[in-house]
Protein backbone atom coordinates (compact mmCIF):
# COMPACT_ATOMS: atom_id res chain seq x y z
CA MET A 1 0.10 0.00 0.03
CA ARG A 2 1.34 3.52 -1.25
CA ARG A 3 1.97 5.89 1.48
CA ASP A 4 1.58 9.55 1.33
CA ILE A 5 5.32 11.25 1.51
CA VAL A 6 5.53 13.91 3.82
CA ILE A 7 9.35 15.31 3.44
CA THR A 8 11.84 14.92 0.59
CA LEU A 9 15.42 15.73 0.92
CA GLU A 10 17.88 15.79 -1.98
CA GLY A 11 21.18 16.50 -1.75
CA ILE A 12 21.09 18.61 0.91
CA SER A 13 24.18 20.03 2.33
CA TYR A 14 25.15 22.65 5.30
CA LYS A 15 27.88 24.87 5.57
CA LYS A 16 29.08 27.16 8.85
CA LYS A 17 32.14 28.96 8.92
CA ARG A 18 33.83 27.41 5.84
CA GLN A 19 32.85 23.62 6.97
CA TYR A 20 30.31 21.31 6.32
CA LEU A 21 28.31 19.77 9.07
CA LEU A 22 26.01 18.02 6.40
CA ASN A 23 27.19 16.75 3.04
CA GLN A 24 24.93 15.78 0.14
CA ILE A 25 22.21 13.97 2.27
CA ASP A 26 19.03 12.36 0.61
CA GLY A 27 16.20 10.94 2.03
CA ARG A 28 12.24 10.54 2.46
CA ILE A 29 9.82 10.63 4.97
CA ASN A 30 6.15 8.88 4.55
CA LYS A 31 3.34 9.59 6.38
CA GLY A 32 3.14 7.61 9.67
CA ASP A 33 7.18 6.73 9.82
CA CYS A 34 9.35 6.40 12.87
CA ILE A 35 13.00 7.61 12.38
CA THR A 36 15.92 8.00 14.69
CA LEU A 37 18.77 10.19 13.49
CA PHE A 38 21.70 8.54 15.10
CA GLY A 39 25.20 9.38 15.43
CA PRO A 40 27.70 10.39 17.49
CA ASN A 41 28.17 14.45 18.99
CA GLY A 42 28.85 16.22 15.81
CA ALA A 43 27.22 13.93 13.22
CA GLY A 44 25.02 16.63 12.18
CA LYS A 45 21.83 15.56 13.74
CA SER A 46 19.91 18.41 15.11
CA THR A 47 21.16 20.29 12.15
CA LEU A 48 19.66 18.12 9.84
CA MET A 49 16.17 17.61 12.17
CA LYS A 50 16.07 21.75 11.64
CA ILE A 51 16.60 22.05 8.20
CA MET A 52 13.70 19.15 8.27
CA ALA A 53 11.33 21.34 10.37
CA GLY A 54 12.19 24.77 8.34
CA LEU A 55 14.28 25.91 10.98
CA ASN A 56 17.54 26.11 9.20
CA LYS A 57 17.86 26.75 5.21
CA PRO A 58 20.19 24.52 3.74
CA SER A 59 23.60 25.72 2.04
CA ARG A 60 22.76 23.54 -0.93
CA GLY A 61 20.18 20.96 -1.86
CA LYS A 62 16.40 21.36 -1.82
CA ARG A 63 13.57 20.38 0.84
CA SER A 64 10.39 19.24 -0.47
CA VAL A 65 7.13 18.88 1.88
CA GLN A 66 3.25 17.63 1.64
CA PHE A 67 1.51 18.63 4.23
CA HIS A 68 -2.21 19.23 4.68
CA LYS A 69 -2.78 20.42 7.75
CA LYS A 70 -2.17 24.44 8.60
CA ASN A 71 -0.20 24.05 11.18
CA PRO A 72 1.57 20.82 10.69
CA ILE A 73 4.77 20.33 12.62
CA GLY A 74 5.22 19.69 16.28
CA TYR A 75 9.14 20.43 17.71
CA VAL A 76 10.03 19.55 20.79
CA PRO A 77 13.89 20.82 21.59
CA GLN A 78 16.21 19.53 24.07
CA GLN A 79 15.85 22.99 26.29
CA ILE A 80 12.89 22.91 28.50
CA ALA A 81 10.69 25.37 26.48
CA LEU A 82 8.11 26.01 29.38
CA PHE A 83 7.07 29.54 31.65
CA ASP A 84 8.06 28.52 34.92
CA GLY A 85 5.62 30.82 36.93
CA LEU A 86 2.49 29.48 34.79
CA THR A 87 0.73 26.05 36.27
CA VAL A 88 0.87 23.07 34.10
CA LYS A 89 -3.11 23.51 33.49
CA ASP A 90 -2.54 27.32 32.50
CA GLN A 91 0.25 26.18 30.16
CA ILE A 92 -1.53 23.50 28.43
CA LYS A 93 -4.19 26.03 27.86
CA TYR A 94 -1.87 28.93 26.49
CA TYR A 95 -0.33 26.48 23.89
CA GLN A 96 -4.13 25.46 22.79
CA LYS A 97 -4.74 29.04 22.36
CA LEU A 98 -1.71 29.55 20.21
CA THR A 99 -2.10 26.56 18.14
CA LYS A 100 -6.04 26.96 18.01
CA GLN A 101 -6.35 23.70 19.50
CA THR A 102 -9.82 23.16 19.76
CA SER A 103 -10.19 19.29 20.55
CA THR A 104 -10.75 19.05 23.99
CA ASP A 105 -10.93 15.33 24.06
CA PHE A 106 -7.75 14.76 22.70
CA VAL A 107 -5.96 17.31 25.16
CA GLU A 108 -8.07 15.17 28.07
CA VAL A 109 -6.65 11.82 26.83
CA MET A 110 -3.35 13.18 26.29
CA ILE A 111 -3.02 14.52 30.36
CA LYS A 112 -4.27 11.14 31.16
CA GLU A 113 -1.23 9.03 29.00
CA LEU A 114 0.90 11.14 30.37
CA GLY A 115 0.33 11.16 33.52
CA LEU A 116 -0.19 14.91 34.04
CA LYS A 117 -3.50 15.00 35.99
CA ASP A 118 -2.41 15.17 39.53
CA ILE A 119 0.45 18.22 38.64
CA LEU A 120 -1.92 20.24 36.49
CA ASN A 121 -2.25 22.93 39.57
CA LYS A 122 1.38 22.59 39.98
CA ARG A 123 4.00 25.84 38.73
CA ILE A 124 6.37 24.55 36.07
CA ASN A 125 9.22 25.77 38.68
CA GLN A 126 7.99 23.35 41.22
CA LEU A 127 8.01 20.05 39.21
CA SER A 128 11.14 17.87 38.87
CA GLY A 129 13.36 17.52 36.09
CA GLY A 130 11.36 14.06 34.38
CA MET A 131 7.82 15.90 34.76
CA LYS A 132 8.92 18.67 33.05
CA ARG A 133 10.17 16.39 29.96
CA LYS A 134 6.26 15.27 29.92
CA VAL A 135 5.35 18.80 29.69
CA ASN A 136 7.26 19.72 27.11
CA LEU A 137 6.24 16.52 25.18
CA ALA A 138 2.66 17.54 25.94
CA VAL A 139 3.16 21.08 24.50
CA GLY A 140 4.92 19.67 21.43
CA VAL A 141 2.17 17.92 19.91
CA ILE A 142 -0.96 19.44 21.52
CA HIS A 143 -1.98 20.89 18.13
CA GLN A 144 -1.68 17.24 16.78
CA PRO A 145 0.69 17.64 14.26
CA GLU A 146 1.14 15.74 11.09
CA ILE A 147 5.29 15.15 11.94
CA LEU A 148 6.35 15.60 15.16
CA PHE A 149 10.15 16.20 15.89
CA LEU A 150 11.90 15.35 19.10
CA ASP A 151 15.54 16.94 20.06
CA GLU A 152 17.00 14.54 23.00
CA ALA A 153 13.50 14.75 24.25
CA PHE A 154 14.05 12.33 27.09
CA VAL A 155 17.70 13.58 28.47
CA GLY A 156 18.00 13.16 32.41
CA VAL A 157 14.37 11.01 32.52
CA ASP A 158 13.71 7.78 35.03
CA LEU A 159 12.33 4.40 33.73
CA ALA A 160 9.00 5.35 35.07
CA THR A 161 8.41 9.02 33.13
CA LYS A 162 9.99 7.07 29.90
CA TYR A 163 7.33 4.38 30.23
CA ASP A 164 4.38 7.03 29.49
CA MET A 165 6.26 9.34 27.20
CA LEU A 166 6.93 6.04 25.02
CA LYS A 167 3.43 4.53 25.44
CA TRP A 168 1.93 7.87 24.01
CA LEU A 169 4.05 8.23 21.37
CA ASN A 170 3.64 5.07 19.81
CA HIS A 171 -0.14 5.73 20.33
CA LEU A 172 0.58 9.00 18.25
CA ASN A 173 2.72 6.94 15.82
CA ALA A 174 -0.06 4.10 15.53
CA GLN A 175 -2.24 6.98 14.96
CA GLY A 176 -0.60 7.87 12.26
CA THR A 177 1.54 10.75 13.33
CA THR A 178 4.69 10.83 11.16
CA ILE A 179 8.02 10.71 14.30
CA VAL A 180 11.42 11.97 13.61
CA PHE A 181 13.70 11.62 16.90
CA ILE A 182 17.20 11.97 18.20
CA THR A 183 18.40 10.24 21.24
CA HIS A 184 21.49 8.07 22.07
CA ASP A 185 19.33 5.82 24.68
CA TRP A 186 19.28 2.88 22.83
CA TYR A 187 16.20 1.78 25.77
CA VAL A 188 14.17 4.26 24.02
CA ILE A 189 14.81 3.21 20.64
CA ASN A 190 14.53 -0.51 21.41
CA GLN A 191 10.72 0.73 22.44
CA LEU A 192 9.89 3.02 19.26
CA LYS A 193 11.55 0.48 16.79
CA PRO A 194 12.13 3.01 14.42
CA SER A 195 13.83 2.90 10.93
CA MET A 196 17.85 4.20 11.54
CA TRP A 197 19.30 6.99 9.61
CA ILE A 198 22.94 6.89 10.53
CA LEU A 199 25.05 10.02 10.48
CA ASP A 200 28.66 10.48 11.19
CA GLN A 201 30.47 13.65 10.71
CA GLY A 202 27.82 15.17 8.45
CA GLU A 203 27.56 11.94 5.99
CA MET A 204 24.61 9.79 5.67
CA LEU A 205 26.05 6.37 5.86
CA ASP A 206 23.33 3.93 5.51
CA GLN A 207 19.12 4.41 5.92
CA VAL A 208 17.70 0.69 7.45
CA ASN A 209 14.57 -0.30 8.70
CA TRP A 210 14.55 -2.03 12.24
CA ASN A 211 14.69 -5.26 11.52
CA ALA A 212 17.81 -4.61 9.70
CA VAL A 213 20.10 -2.38 12.15
CA PRO A 214 22.12 -5.24 13.39
CA TYR A 215 23.44 -5.01 9.80
CA ALA A 216 23.24 -1.63 9.12
CA ASN A 217 26.55 -0.42 7.19
CA ILE A 218 28.99 1.45 9.54
CA LYS A 219 32.24 0.05 8.15
CA SER A 220 33.51 3.58 6.96
CA GLY A 221 32.26 4.95 10.51
CA SER A 222 34.52 6.71 12.88
CA ASN A 223 35.53 4.44 16.53
CA ALA A 224 32.79 6.75 18.11
CA LEU A 225 29.74 5.38 15.70
CA LYS A 226 31.13 2.24 16.33
CA LYS A 227 31.25 2.41 20.13
CA MET A 228 27.64 3.23 20.00
CA PHE A 229 26.78 0.19 18.32
CA ASP A 230 28.72 -2.25 20.40
CA VAL A 231 25.21 -3.02 21.95
CA ASP A 232 23.43 -6.12 22.14
CA LEU A 233 20.71 -5.06 19.84
CA SER A 234 18.46 -8.15 20.88
CA ARG A 235 17.56 -6.78 24.35
């Protein structure tokens, strides 16, 4: 069954201070895909994600998109993008109004699945780091985007919090939300079972589906990348 293409990348390169952070990246993202951009620090993952999301323009190459909604992109940065003085409830209401989200049913389900009900009346600055991550995710998807970008959204999160976040993300993906994420956490990767775009020093080394991850082509990769694959992928 043919799936709609959401984003196409053709020959994407990105240069900064005379240095190429990305070089000739090609790829295609279909509706409902779940993809991780994987590689060591400095591989170009965040730069590529920002180009995908339209936050950065490539130095060379073409990004083509086929969206159907007026507000199609959700972006959850590594930094906590919340207002410390607001309660969780007011934070959610603010982003509902900002994104013109009118589906109270979706918001209620999200609050339940992410385990936010008991903290709705707490201010952001009263929350633990893990709870802040949950709220950060909630406001990033509150408008039900077509494609969701997660840039290291699980940093400093304990297993119980990860469980709630990953369960919600798997639900969204099963409902058709396209997900692209960056993480170094193999637990997260194992739970989401994404296709993997393997980046190293600005180059795309391979693109493999989940079942083929153990056979990914990393022979030409750096030692840092090879160490990242030195794990038991069957666990």
